[in-house]
């Protein structure tokens, strides 16, 4: 039986460290996209859930126009599926698709990491190291929610530091798919090793070591891929 979405407005900001508070200069469409994407990735909007633009507008307390624009982006990202004259649904999670996305992500992440090693400002290098340290602390404390918030900030800052908007835009939906897969398979046991690999990426970029950044990025994506394969073997 298809699930249906609650139309009761929800406080999407609560309990997530302000990560979803309004961003300076953000349009309403950008905000709608960010809020819906977060709900889908965290599985608060579950795979297969049937919904409409009106449902989402009521849930987010936003107008139909920005929600419609956000939905178009989410469909392009593969997170929503539209059924002509029948509304839409949250996309199912296909493990094979996640693995294929990781193959594409590996090449793009390497490009961004190398670019960041060459172009990042000192402030960006310091911030990457600080976020990686936050991830390690969250992993040690078993705080998966804090870890995943920091992981998203790390990816965003790394993309900014790489200063390649084409790679950054291509990576965004692949990163969302990987995070969604993580929530789906609940890979908490991967956090400690993953945090160390993020620290290695940050360290290479901090040292402006492009070769080391490429190797560290490859090792990180390989770890994510291996974790997914292990999760599938355990099903």
C-alpha atoms as a PDB file:
ATOM      1  CA  UNK A   1       0.000   0.000   0.000  1.00  0.00           C
ATOM      2  CA  UNK A   2       1.309   3.460  -0.920  1.00  0.00           C
ATOM      3  CA  UNK A   3       2.149   5.767   1.926  1.00  0.00           C
ATOM      4  CA  UNK A   4       0.739   9.276   1.967  1.00  0.00           C
ATOM      5  CA  UNK A   5       2.389  12.383   3.314  1.00  0.00           C
ATOM      6  CA  UNK A   6       1.146  14.243   6.352  1.00  0.00           C
ATOM      7  CA  UNK A   7       0.001  17.735   5.416  1.00  0.00           C
ATOM      8  CA  UNK A   8       0.505  19.077   8.927  1.00  0.00           C
ATOM      9  CA  UNK A   9       3.169  21.805   8.944  1.00  0.00           C
ATOM     10  CA  UNK A  10       6.362  20.582  10.560  1.00  0.00           C
ATOM     11  CA  UNK A  11       9.218  22.369  12.248  1.00  0.00           C
ATOM     12  CA  UNK A  12      11.965  21.211   9.941  1.00  0.00           C
ATOM     13  CA  UNK A  13      14.535  23.351  11.726  1.00  0.00           C
ATOM     14  CA  UNK A  14      14.251  21.654  15.096  1.00  0.00           C
ATOM     15  CA  UNK A  15      16.922  19.408  16.489  1.00  0.00           C
ATOM     16  CA  UNK A  16      19.455  19.763  13.674  1.00  0.00           C
ATOM     17  CA  UNK A  17      21.880  22.316  15.017  1.00  0.00           C
ATOM     18  CA  UNK A  18      20.532  25.153  12.877  1.00  0.00           C
ATOM     19  CA  UNK A  19      21.832  23.499   9.723  1.00  0.00           C
ATOM     20  CA  UNK A  20      18.555  24.238   7.967  1.00  0.00           C
ATOM     21  CA  UNK A  21      18.069  27.798   9.171  1.00  0.00           C
ATOM     22  CA  UNK A  22      17.641  30.375   6.373  1.00  0.00           C
ATOM     23  CA  UNK A  23      20.794  31.063   4.371  1.00  0.00           C
ATOM     24  CA  UNK A  24      21.746  34.648   3.457  1.00  0.00           C
ATOM     25  CA  UNK A  25      20.644  35.514  -0.069  1.00  0.00           C
ATOM     26  CA  UNK A  26      18.760  32.258  -0.463  1.00  0.00           C
ATOM     27  CA  UNK A  27      15.662  32.268  -2.673  1.00  0.00           C
ATOM     28  CA  UNK A  28      12.456  30.613  -1.555  1.00  0.00           C
ATOM     29  CA  UNK A  29      12.941  27.987  -4.265  1.00  0.00           C
ATOM     30  CA  UNK A  30      16.445  27.239  -2.974  1.00  0.00           C
ATOM     31  CA  UNK A  31      15.082  26.947   0.557  1.00  0.00           C
ATOM     32  CA  UNK A  32      12.290  24.623  -0.556  1.00  0.00           C
ATOM     33  CA  UNK A  33      14.809  22.456  -2.391  1.00  0.00           C
ATOM     34  CA  UNK A  34      17.155  22.307   0.596  1.00  0.00           C
ATOM     35  CA  UNK A  35      14.399  21.385   3.055  1.00  0.00           C
ATOM     36  CA  UNK A  36      12.807  18.726   0.853  1.00  0.00           C
ATOM     37  CA  UNK A  37      16.186  17.246  -0.136  1.00  0.00           C
ATOM     38  CA  UNK A  38      17.128  16.956   3.533  1.00  0.00           C
ATOM     39  CA  UNK A  39      13.858  15.219   4.378  1.00  0.00           C
ATOM     40  CA  UNK A  40      14.307  12.747   1.514  1.00  0.00           C
ATOM     41  CA  UNK A  41      17.966  12.022   2.301  1.00  0.00           C
ATOM     42  CA  UNK A  42      17.237  11.406   5.997  1.00  0.00           C
ATOM     43  CA  UNK A  43      14.271   9.181   5.018  1.00  0.00           C
ATOM     44  CA  UNK A  44      11.814  11.433   6.849  1.00  0.00           C
ATOM     45  CA  UNK A  45      10.092  11.307   3.468  1.00  0.00           C
ATOM     46  CA  UNK A  46      10.378   7.570   2.931  1.00  0.00           C
ATOM     47  CA  UNK A  47      11.104   5.807  -0.370  1.00  0.00           C
ATOM     48  CA  UNK A  48       7.853   5.230  -2.242  1.00  0.00           C
ATOM     49  CA  UNK A  49       5.937   7.900  -0.337  1.00  0.00           C
ATOM     50  CA  UNK A  50       3.202   9.430  -2.529  1.00  0.00           C
ATOM     51  CA  UNK A  51       2.827  13.199  -2.339  1.00  0.00           C
ATOM     52  CA  UNK A  52       1.780  16.326  -4.198  1.00  0.00           C
ATOM     53  CA  UNK A  53       3.130  19.845  -4.513  1.00  0.00           C
ATOM     54  CA  UNK A  54       0.258  21.003  -2.331  1.00  0.00           C
ATOM     55  CA  UNK A  55       1.250  18.508   0.379  1.00  0.00           C
ATOM     56  CA  UNK A  56       4.833  19.749   0.339  1.00  0.00           C
ATOM     57  CA  UNK A  57       3.832  23.414   0.346  1.00  0.00           C
ATOM     58  CA  UNK A  58       1.673  22.811   3.426  1.00  0.00           C
ATOM     59  CA  UNK A  59       4.395  20.776   5.125  1.00  0.00           C
ATOM     60  CA  UNK A  60       7.036  23.448   4.541  1.00  0.00           C
ATOM     61  CA  UNK A  61       4.714  26.407   5.034  1.00  0.00           C
ATOM     62  CA  UNK A  62       5.894  27.769   1.682  1.00  0.00           C
ATOM     63  CA  UNK A  63       4.088  28.825  -1.496  1.00  0.00           C
ATOM     64  CA  UNK A  64       3.341  26.503  -4.382  1.00  0.00           C
ATOM     65  CA  UNK A  65       5.651  28.322  -6.834  1.00  0.00           C
ATOM     66  CA  UNK A  66       8.951  27.789  -4.950  1.00  0.00           C
ATOM     67  CA  UNK A  67       7.925  24.218  -4.142  1.00  0.00           C
ATOM     68  CA  UNK A  68       7.190  23.556  -7.828  1.00  0.00           C
ATOM     69  CA  UNK A  69      10.655  24.860  -8.779  1.00  0.00           C
ATOM     70  CA  UNK A  70      12.249  22.718  -6.070  1.00  0.00           C
ATOM     71  CA  UNK A  71      10.344  19.638  -7.235  1.00  0.00           C
ATOM     72  CA  UNK A  72      11.664  20.084 -10.782  1.00  0.00           C
ATOM     73  CA  UNK A  73      15.229  20.068  -9.454  1.00  0.00           C
ATOM     74  CA  UNK A  74      14.574  17.062  -7.236  1.00  0.00           C
ATOM     75  CA  UNK A  75      13.136  15.124 -10.173  1.00  0.00           C
ATOM     76  CA  UNK A  76      16.269  15.957 -12.186  1.00  0.00           C
ATOM     77  CA  UNK A  77      18.390  14.761  -9.251  1.00  0.00           C
ATOM     78  CA  UNK A  78      16.534  11.435  -9.158  1.00  0.00           C
ATOM     79  CA  UNK A  79      15.076  11.966  -5.685  1.00  0.00           C
ATOM     80  CA  UNK A  80      11.464  12.387  -6.820  1.00  0.00           C
ATOM     81  CA  UNK A  81       9.539  10.542  -9.537  1.00  0.00           C
ATOM     82  CA  UNK A  82       6.583  12.169 -11.289  1.00  0.00           C
ATOM     83  CA  UNK A  83       3.598  10.159 -12.523  1.00  0.00           C
ATOM     84  CA  UNK A  84       1.600  12.092 -15.154  1.00  0.00           C
ATOM     85  CA  UNK A  85      -1.790  13.116 -13.732  1.00  0.00           C
ATOM     86  CA  UNK A  86      -1.111  10.949 -10.669  1.00  0.00           C
ATOM     87  CA  UNK A  87       1.144  13.109  -8.550  1.00  0.00           C
ATOM     88  CA  UNK A  88       4.613  11.994  -7.578  1.00  0.00           C
ATOM     89  CA  UNK A  89       6.532   9.810  -5.163  1.00  0.00           C
ATOM     90  CA  UNK A  90       9.855   9.743  -3.380  1.00  0.00           C
ATOM     91  CA  UNK A  91      12.218   7.654  -5.477  1.00  0.00           C
ATOM     92  CA  UNK A  92      12.971   4.125  -4.376  1.00  0.00           C
ATOM     93  CA  UNK A  93      16.500   3.299  -3.229  1.00  0.00           C
ATOM     94  CA  UNK A  94      18.193   0.971  -5.692  1.00  0.00           C
ATOM     95  CA  UNK A  95      21.540  -0.266  -4.316  1.00  0.00           C
ATOM     96  CA  UNK A  96      22.892  -0.815  -7.822  1.00  0.00           C
ATOM     97  CA  UNK A  97      22.146   2.820  -8.668  1.00  0.00           C
ATOM     98  CA  UNK A  98      24.018   3.924  -5.534  1.00  0.00           C
ATOM     99  CA  UNK A  99      27.052   1.851  -6.579  1.00  0.00           C
ATOM    100  CA  UNK A 100      26.979   3.295 -10.097  1.00  0.00           C
ATOM    101  CA  UNK A 101      26.677   6.786  -8.652  1.00  0.00           C
ATOM    102  CA  UNK A 102      29.732   6.130  -6.502  1.00  0.00           C
ATOM    103  CA  UNK A 103      31.721   5.194  -9.622  1.00  0.00           C
ATOM    104  CA  UNK A 104      30.867   8.552 -11.165  1.00  0.00           C
ATOM    105  CA  UNK A 105      31.397  10.335  -7.876  1.00  0.00           C
ATOM    106  CA  UNK A 106      34.902   8.926  -7.449  1.00  0.00           C
ATOM    107  CA  UNK A 107      36.180  10.659 -10.572  1.00  0.00           C
ATOM    108  CA  UNK A 108      34.497  13.964  -9.750  1.00  0.00           C
ATOM    109  CA  UNK A 109      35.604  13.934  -6.113  1.00  0.00           C
ATOM    110  CA  UNK A 110      39.190  13.432  -7.262  1.00  0.00           C
ATOM    111  CA  UNK A 111      38.913  16.444  -9.581  1.00  0.00           C
ATOM    112  CA  UNK A 112      37.545  18.599  -6.781  1.00  0.00           C
ATOM    113  CA  UNK A 113      40.082  17.420  -4.198  1.00  0.00           C
ATOM    114  CA  UNK A 114      43.010  18.110  -6.534  1.00  0.00           C
ATOM    115  CA  UNK A 115      41.607  21.525  -7.393  1.00  0.00           C
ATOM    116  CA  UNK A 116      41.094  22.322  -3.714  1.00  0.00           C
ATOM    117  CA  UNK A 117      44.703  21.372  -2.924  1.00  0.00           C
ATOM    118  CA  UNK A 118      45.795  23.887  -5.536  1.00  0.00           C
ATOM    119  CA  UNK A 119      43.269  26.675  -5.008  1.00  0.00           C
ATOM    120  CA  UNK A 120      41.902  26.608  -1.462  1.00  0.00           C
ATOM    121  CA  UNK A 121      42.522  29.670   0.652  1.00  0.00           C
ATOM    122  CA  UNK A 122      44.140  29.316   4.050  1.00  0.00           C
ATOM    123  CA  UNK A 123      40.769  29.963   5.668  1.00  0.00           C
ATOM    124  CA  UNK A 124      39.182  27.177   3.642  1.00  0.00           C
ATOM    125  CA  UNK A 125      42.030  24.791   4.463  1.00  0.00           C
ATOM    126  CA  UNK A 126      41.649  25.544   8.161  1.00  0.00           C
ATOM    127  CA  UNK A 127      37.874  25.131   7.995  1.00  0.00           C
ATOM    128  CA  UNK A 128      38.157  21.760   6.265  1.00  0.00           C
ATOM    129  CA  UNK A 129      40.492  20.545   9.010  1.00  0.00           C
ATOM    130  CA  UNK A 130      38.095  21.839  11.678  1.00  0.00           C
ATOM    131  CA  UNK A 131      35.079  20.112  10.126  1.00  0.00           C
ATOM    132  CA  UNK A 132      37.025  16.860   9.763  1.00  0.00           C
ATOM    133  CA  UNK A 133      37.876  17.097  13.469  1.00  0.00           C
ATOM    134  CA  UNK A 134      34.163  17.594  14.226  1.00  0.00           C
ATOM    135  CA  UNK A 135      33.407  14.433  12.259  1.00  0.00           C
ATOM    136  CA  UNK A 136      35.968  12.486  14.264  1.00  0.00           C
ATOM    137  CA  UNK A 137      34.501  13.765  17.532  1.00  0.00           C
ATOM    138  CA  UNK A 138      30.973  12.881  16.404  1.00  0.00           C
ATOM    139  CA  UNK A 139      32.111   9.392  15.357  1.00  0.00           C
ATOM    140  CA  UNK A 140      33.769   8.809  18.721  1.00  0.00           C
ATOM    141  CA  UNK A 141      30.642   9.993  20.500  1.00  0.00           C
ATOM    142  CA  UNK A 142      28.360   7.820  18.383  1.00  0.00           C
ATOM    143  CA  UNK A 143      26.437  10.899  17.185  1.00  0.00           C
ATOM    144  CA  UNK A 144      25.498   9.875  13.660  1.00  0.00           C
ATOM    145  CA  UNK A 145      23.242  12.896  13.096  1.00  0.00           C
ATOM    146  CA  UNK A 146      26.037  15.341  13.939  1.00  0.00           C
ATOM    147  CA  UNK A 147      28.434  13.340  11.801  1.00  0.00           C
ATOM    148  CA  UNK A 148      26.183  13.511   8.748  1.00  0.00           C
ATOM    149  CA  UNK A 149      25.588  17.252   9.194  1.00  0.00           C
ATOM    150  CA  UNK A 150      29.342  17.795   9.305  1.00  0.00           C
ATOM    151  CA  UNK A 151      29.827  15.497   6.313  1.00  0.00           C
ATOM    152  CA  UNK A 152      27.468  17.654   4.255  1.00  0.00           C
ATOM    153  CA  UNK A 153      29.291  20.833   5.321  1.00  0.00           C
ATOM    154  CA  UNK A 154      32.636  19.212   4.441  1.00  0.00           C
ATOM    155  CA  UNK A 155      31.411  18.353   0.945  1.00  0.00           C
ATOM    156  CA  UNK A 156      30.028  21.843   0.413  1.00  0.00           C
ATOM    157  CA  UNK A 157      33.212  23.564   1.563  1.00  0.00           C
ATOM    158  CA  UNK A 158      35.384  21.198  -0.471  1.00  0.00           C
ATOM    159  CA  UNK A 159      33.371  22.078  -3.562  1.00  0.00           C
ATOM    160  CA  UNK A 160      33.746  25.787  -2.858  1.00  0.00           C
ATOM    161  CA  UNK A 161      37.500  25.376  -2.312  1.00  0.00           C
ATOM    162  CA  UNK A 162      37.875  23.516  -5.600  1.00  0.00           C
ATOM    163  CA  UNK A 163      36.338  26.494  -7.396  1.00  0.00           C
ATOM    164  CA  UNK A 164      34.949  24.320 -10.201  1.00  0.00           C
ATOM    165  CA  UNK A 165      31.191  25.007 -10.299  1.00  0.00           C
ATOM    166  CA  UNK A 166      30.611  22.399 -13.024  1.00  0.00           C
ATOM    167  CA  UNK A 167      32.089  19.572 -10.957  1.00  0.00           C
ATOM    168  CA  UNK A 168      30.341  20.870  -7.848  1.00  0.00           C
ATOM    169  CA  UNK A 169      26.911  20.882  -9.524  1.00  0.00           C
ATOM    170  CA  UNK A 170      27.469  17.409 -10.957  1.00  0.00           C
ATOM    171  CA  UNK A 171      28.540  16.076  -7.566  1.00  0.00           C
ATOM    172  CA  UNK A 172      25.636  17.414  -5.504  1.00  0.00           C
ATOM    173  CA  UNK A 173      22.994  14.788  -6.485  1.00  0.00           C
ATOM    174  CA  UNK A 174      25.568  11.986  -6.252  1.00  0.00           C
ATOM    175  CA  UNK A 175      26.457  13.066  -2.723  1.00  0.00           C
ATOM    176  CA  UNK A 176      22.774  13.196  -1.802  1.00  0.00           C
ATOM    177  CA  UNK A 177      22.299   9.662  -3.129  1.00  0.00           C
ATOM    178  CA  UNK A 178      25.252   8.387  -1.101  1.00  0.00           C
ATOM    179  CA  UNK A 179      23.974   9.988   2.129  1.00  0.00           C
ATOM    180  CA  UNK A 180      20.515   8.582   1.516  1.00  0.00           C
ATOM    181  CA  UNK A 181      22.022   5.136   1.027  1.00  0.00           C
ATOM    182  CA  UNK A 182      23.910   5.554   4.287  1.00  0.00           C
ATOM    183  CA  UNK A 183      20.715   6.335   6.193  1.00  0.00           C
ATOM    184  CA  UNK A 184      18.927   3.452   4.510  1.00  0.00           C
ATOM    185  CA  UNK A 185      21.566   0.854   5.377  1.00  0.00           C
ATOM    186  CA  UNK A 186      22.467   2.425   8.772  1.00  0.00           C
ATOM    187  CA  UNK A 187      26.239   2.125   8.447  1.00  0.00           C
ATOM    188  CA  UNK A 188      27.151   3.592  11.868  1.00  0.00           C
ATOM    189  CA  UNK A 189      30.066   1.165  12.128  1.00  0.00           C
ATOM    190  CA  UNK A 190      31.702   2.959   9.186  1.00  0.00           C
ATOM    191  CA  UNK A 191      31.909   6.353  10.896  1.00  0.00           C
ATOM    192  CA  UNK A 192      35.243   6.000  12.689  1.00  0.00           C
ATOM    193  CA  UNK A 193      37.123   4.875   9.593  1.00  0.00           C
ATOM    194  CA  UNK A 194      35.295   7.403   7.426  1.00  0.00           C
ATOM    195  CA  UNK A 195      36.220  10.257   9.753  1.00  0.00           C
ATOM    196  CA  UNK A 196      39.893   9.307   9.543  1.00  0.00           C
ATOM    197  CA  UNK A 197      39.675   9.300   5.753  1.00  0.00           C
ATOM    198  CA  UNK A 198      38.064  12.745   5.771  1.00  0.00           C
ATOM    199  CA  UNK A 199      40.908  13.937   7.977  1.00  0.00           C
ATOM    200  CA  UNK A 200      43.372  12.569   5.412  1.00  0.00           C
ATOM    201  CA  UNK A 201      41.653  14.518   2.629  1.00  0.00           C
ATOM    202  CA  UNK A 202      41.714  17.685   4.736  1.00  0.00           C
ATOM    203  CA  UNK A 203      45.377  17.152   5.664  1.00  0.00           C
ATOM    204  CA  UNK A 204      46.444  16.724   2.030  1.00  0.00           C
ATOM    205  CA  UNK A 205      44.573  19.849   1.016  1.00  0.00           C
ATOM    206  CA  UNK A 206      46.024  21.696   3.998  1.00  0.00           C
ATOM    207  CA  UNK A 207      49.507  20.725   2.811  1.00  0.00           C
ATOM    208  CA  UNK A 208      48.581  21.786  -0.756  1.00  0.00           C
ATOM    209  CA  UNK A 209      49.483  18.262  -1.858  1.00  0.00           C
ATOM    210  CA  UNK A 210      47.455  17.579  -5.005  1.00  0.00           C
ATOM    211  CA  UNK A 211      48.745  14.014  -5.431  1.00  0.00           C
ATOM    212  CA  UNK A 212      47.987  13.192  -1.804  1.00  0.00           C
ATOM    213  CA  UNK A 213      44.537  14.775  -2.078  1.00  0.00           C
ATOM    214  CA  UNK A 214      43.708  12.585  -5.080  1.00  0.00           C
ATOM    215  CA  UNK A 215      44.827   9.439  -3.251  1.00  0.00           C
ATOM    216  CA  UNK A 216      42.947  10.375  -0.075  1.00  0.00           C
ATOM    217  CA  UNK A 217      39.781  11.121  -2.048  1.00  0.00           C
ATOM    218  CA  UNK A 218      40.001   7.778  -3.852  1.00  0.00           C
ATOM    219  CA  UNK A 219      40.465   5.968  -0.532  1.00  0.00           C
ATOM    220  CA  UNK A 220      37.424   7.680   0.960  1.00  0.00           C
ATOM    221  CA  UNK A 221      35.107   6.764  -1.917  1.00  0.00           C
ATOM    222  CA  UNK A 222      36.472   3.204  -1.956  1.00  0.00           C
ATOM    223  CA  UNK A 223      35.594   2.938   1.738  1.00  0.00           C
ATOM    224  CA  UNK A 224      32.042   4.131   1.090  1.00  0.00           C
ATOM    225  CA  UNK A 225      31.686   1.669  -1.791  1.00  0.00           C
ATOM    226  CA  UNK A 226      33.037  -1.231   0.283  1.00  0.00           C
ATOM    227  CA  UNK A 227      30.634  -0.386   3.105  1.00  0.00           C
ATOM    228  CA  UNK A 228      27.683  -0.473   0.747  1.00  0.00           C
ATOM    229  CA  UNK A 229      28.770  -3.799  -0.707  1.00  0.00           C
ATOM    230  CA  UNK A 230      29.094  -5.232   2.798  1.00  0.00           C
ATOM    231  CA  UNK A 231      25.620  -3.958   3.694  1.00  0.00           C
ATOM    232  CA  UNK A 232      24.189  -5.655   0.617  1.00  0.00           C
ATOM    233  CA  UNK A 233      25.940  -8.922   1.495  1.00  0.00           C
ATOM    234  CA  UNK A 234      24.369  -8.785   4.952  1.00  0.00           C
ATOM    235  CA  UNK A 235      20.813  -8.467   3.650  1.00  0.00           C
END
